[in-house]
Amino acid sequence: MPELIAPLAGNVWKVLIAVGDKVEMDDEVIILEALKMETPIYCDDSGTVTELRVKEGDAVEEGAVLVVID
């Protein structure tokens, strides 16, 4: 199953998807905040969100799995 990985450390500012949502490649799914800058995270695969491993306000490290897509 494809996983969406955090490209940088930061805080989850906004989650734009939920488990069960259908997503397409290049859909904006999460916005991370780092150093007072918002960084959109885009889906790099198409499918259905089967697992959402973060919620708004969570702190994440670079390389953390954010979303699992099937």
N, C-alpha and C. Protein backbone atom coordinates (compact mmCIF):
# COMPACT_ATOMS: atom_id res chain seq x y z
N MET A 1 0.83 -1.18 0.00
CA MET A 1 0.00 0.00 0.00
C MET A 1 0.87 1.25 0.00
N PRO A 2 0.57 2.19 -0.86
CA PRO A 2 1.35 3.43 -0.89
C PRO A 2 1.14 4.25 0.39
N GLU A 3 2.21 4.88 0.82
CA GLU A 3 2.17 5.74 2.00
C GLU A 3 2.60 7.14 1.62
N LEU A 4 1.95 8.12 2.21
CA LEU A 4 2.32 9.52 2.03
C LEU A 4 3.22 9.89 3.19
N ILE A 5 4.44 10.34 2.88
CA ILE A 5 5.49 10.60 3.88
C ILE A 5 5.67 12.10 4.06
N ALA A 6 5.90 12.52 5.30
CA ALA A 6 6.18 13.93 5.58
C ALA A 6 7.54 14.31 5.01
N PRO A 7 7.59 15.32 4.14
CA PRO A 7 8.86 15.73 3.54
C PRO A 7 9.71 16.60 4.47
N LEU A 8 9.10 17.08 5.56
CA LEU A 8 9.82 17.91 6.52
C LEU A 8 9.14 17.80 7.87
N ALA A 9 9.85 18.19 8.91
CA ALA A 9 9.28 18.20 10.26
C ALA A 9 8.41 19.44 10.41
N GLY A 10 7.32 19.32 11.15
CA GLY A 10 6.44 20.46 11.38
C GLY A 10 5.20 20.03 12.13
N ASN A 11 4.22 20.91 12.13
CA ASN A 11 2.93 20.63 12.77
C ASN A 11 1.87 20.49 11.70
N VAL A 12 0.95 19.55 11.95
CA VAL A 12 -0.17 19.37 11.02
C VAL A 12 -1.14 20.52 11.25
N TRP A 13 -1.23 21.41 10.28
CA TRP A 13 -2.08 22.58 10.40
C TRP A 13 -3.51 22.27 9.96
N LYS A 14 -3.65 21.51 8.86
CA LYS A 14 -4.97 21.20 8.33
C LYS A 14 -4.95 19.83 7.66
N VAL A 15 -5.97 19.02 7.94
CA VAL A 15 -6.17 17.73 7.27
C VAL A 15 -7.37 17.89 6.34
N LEU A 16 -7.18 17.66 5.07
CA LEU A 16 -8.21 17.92 4.07
C LEU A 16 -8.92 16.66 3.59
N ILE A 17 -8.60 15.51 4.18
CA ILE A 17 -9.18 14.23 3.76
C ILE A 17 -9.62 13.45 4.99
N ALA A 18 -10.35 12.36 4.74
CA ALA A 18 -10.77 11.46 5.81
C ALA A 18 -10.65 10.03 5.31
N VAL A 19 -10.64 9.07 6.23
CA VAL A 19 -10.60 7.67 5.84
C VAL A 19 -11.82 7.37 4.98
N GLY A 20 -11.59 6.68 3.88
CA GLY A 20 -12.66 6.34 2.95
C GLY A 20 -12.75 7.27 1.76
N ASP A 21 -12.09 8.44 1.85
CA ASP A 21 -12.11 9.38 0.72
C ASP A 21 -11.32 8.82 -0.45
N LYS A 22 -11.82 9.10 -1.64
CA LYS A 22 -11.07 8.78 -2.87
C LYS A 22 -10.17 9.97 -3.16
N VAL A 23 -8.91 9.68 -3.47
CA VAL A 23 -7.95 10.74 -3.80
C VAL A 23 -7.30 10.45 -5.14
N GLU A 24 -6.89 11.51 -5.80
CA GLU A 24 -6.21 11.41 -7.09
C GLU A 24 -4.80 11.95 -6.94
N MET A 25 -3.92 11.54 -7.82
CA MET A 25 -2.56 12.06 -7.82
C MET A 25 -2.62 13.59 -7.88
N ASP A 26 -1.79 14.24 -7.09
CA ASP A 26 -1.67 15.69 -7.01
C ASP A 26 -2.80 16.39 -6.24
N ASP A 27 -3.71 15.63 -5.60
CA ASP A 27 -4.68 16.25 -4.70
C ASP A 27 -3.95 16.77 -3.47
N GLU A 28 -4.33 17.96 -3.00
CA GLU A 28 -3.79 18.50 -1.75
C GLU A 28 -4.51 17.80 -0.60
N VAL A 29 -3.76 17.14 0.29
CA VAL A 29 -4.39 16.34 1.33
C VAL A 29 -4.11 16.83 2.76
N ILE A 30 -2.95 17.41 2.97
CA ILE A 30 -2.55 17.88 4.31
C ILE A 30 -1.76 19.17 4.14
N ILE A 31 -1.88 20.06 5.11
CA ILE A 31 -1.03 21.25 5.14
C ILE A 31 -0.21 21.20 6.43
N LEU A 32 1.11 21.22 6.25
CA LEU A 32 2.04 21.27 7.39
C LEU A 32 2.48 22.70 7.62
N GLU A 33 2.73 23.04 8.87
CA GLU A 33 3.26 24.35 9.22
C GLU A 33 4.63 24.15 9.83
N ALA A 34 5.61 24.83 9.28
CA ALA A 34 6.97 24.77 9.80
C ALA A 34 7.59 26.15 9.66
N LEU A 35 8.16 26.65 10.72
CA LEU A 35 8.78 27.97 10.72
C LEU A 35 7.82 29.05 10.21
N LYS A 36 6.56 28.95 10.64
CA LYS A 36 5.50 29.91 10.30
C LYS A 36 5.18 29.95 8.81
N MET A 37 5.55 28.89 8.09
CA MET A 37 5.22 28.78 6.67
C MET A 37 4.32 27.55 6.48
N GLU A 38 3.29 27.71 5.68
CA GLU A 38 2.41 26.59 5.38
C GLU A 38 2.93 25.84 4.15
N THR A 39 3.03 24.52 4.27
CA THR A 39 3.51 23.69 3.18
C THR A 39 2.45 22.66 2.82
N PRO A 40 1.83 22.78 1.65
CA PRO A 40 0.84 21.78 1.25
C PRO A 40 1.51 20.46 0.89
N ILE A 41 0.86 19.37 1.27
CA ILE A 41 1.35 18.03 0.94
C ILE A 41 0.36 17.45 -0.06
N TYR A 42 0.89 17.01 -1.20
CA TYR A 42 0.07 16.50 -2.28
C TYR A 42 0.18 14.99 -2.36
N CYS A 43 -0.91 14.36 -2.76
CA CYS A 43 -0.97 12.92 -2.93
C CYS A 43 -0.09 12.53 -4.12
N ASP A 44 0.70 11.49 -3.95
CA ASP A 44 1.55 11.04 -5.06
C ASP A 44 1.05 9.74 -5.68
N ASP A 45 -0.20 9.38 -5.36
CA ASP A 45 -0.82 8.18 -5.90
C ASP A 45 -2.33 8.36 -5.89
N SER A 46 -3.05 7.56 -6.61
CA SER A 46 -4.51 7.59 -6.61
C SER A 46 -5.02 6.38 -5.85
N GLY A 47 -6.20 6.52 -5.24
CA GLY A 47 -6.80 5.39 -4.53
C GLY A 47 -7.74 5.87 -3.44
N THR A 48 -7.92 5.01 -2.44
CA THR A 48 -8.80 5.30 -1.31
C THR A 48 -7.97 5.41 -0.05
N VAL A 49 -8.25 6.43 0.75
CA VAL A 49 -7.55 6.60 2.03
C VAL A 49 -8.00 5.50 2.98
N THR A 50 -7.06 4.64 3.39
CA THR A 50 -7.40 3.54 4.30
C THR A 50 -6.95 3.82 5.73
N GLU A 51 -5.98 4.72 5.87
CA GLU A 51 -5.48 5.03 7.21
C GLU A 51 -4.98 6.47 7.24
N LEU A 52 -5.39 7.20 8.25
CA LEU A 52 -4.94 8.57 8.46
C LEU A 52 -4.20 8.56 9.79
N ARG A 53 -2.89 8.73 9.76
CA ARG A 53 -2.07 8.55 10.96
C ARG A 53 -1.80 9.83 11.73
N VAL A 54 -2.35 10.95 11.28
CA VAL A 54 -2.16 12.23 11.97
C VAL A 54 -3.50 12.95 12.09
N LYS A 55 -3.53 13.91 13.00
CA LYS A 55 -4.69 14.79 13.12
C LYS A 55 -4.18 16.21 13.27
N GLU A 56 -5.06 17.17 13.09
CA GLU A 56 -4.66 18.56 13.18
C GLU A 56 -4.04 18.84 14.55
N GLY A 57 -2.92 19.55 14.53
CA GLY A 57 -2.20 19.88 15.76
C GLY A 57 -1.06 18.94 16.09
N ASP A 58 -1.00 17.78 15.44
CA ASP A 58 0.08 16.83 15.70
C ASP A 58 1.41 17.38 15.20
N ALA A 59 2.46 17.09 15.93
CA ALA A 59 3.82 17.38 15.49
C ALA A 59 4.34 16.13 14.78
N VAL A 60 4.96 16.31 13.62
CA VAL A 60 5.50 15.18 12.86
C VAL A 60 6.96 15.42 12.54
N GLU A 61 7.69 14.35 12.43
CA GLU A 61 9.10 14.39 12.04
C GLU A 61 9.21 14.11 10.54
N GLU A 62 10.27 14.58 9.94
CA GLU A 62 10.54 14.27 8.54
C GLU A 62 10.58 12.76 8.37
N GLY A 63 9.89 12.25 7.36
CA GLY A 63 9.88 10.82 7.09
C GLY A 63 8.73 10.06 7.75
N ALA A 64 7.94 10.75 8.58
CA ALA A 64 6.80 10.08 9.24
C ALA A 64 5.72 9.76 8.21
N VAL A 65 5.05 8.63 8.41
CA VAL A 65 3.94 8.26 7.54
C VAL A 65 2.71 9.06 7.97
N LEU A 66 2.12 9.79 7.02
CA LEU A 66 0.96 10.62 7.30
C LEU A 66 -0.35 9.91 6.92
N VAL A 67 -0.34 9.29 5.74
CA VAL A 67 -1.56 8.70 5.17
C VAL A 67 -1.20 7.40 4.46
N VAL A 68 -2.09 6.42 4.53
CA VAL A 68 -1.95 5.17 3.77
C VAL A 68 -3.09 5.12 2.76
N ILE A 69 -2.73 4.84 1.52
CA ILE A 69 -3.69 4.80 0.41
C ILE A 69 -3.68 3.41 -0.20
N ASP A 70 -4.87 2.90 -0.47
CA ASP A 70 -4.98 1.59 -1.09
C ASP A 70 -5.57 1.72 -2.48
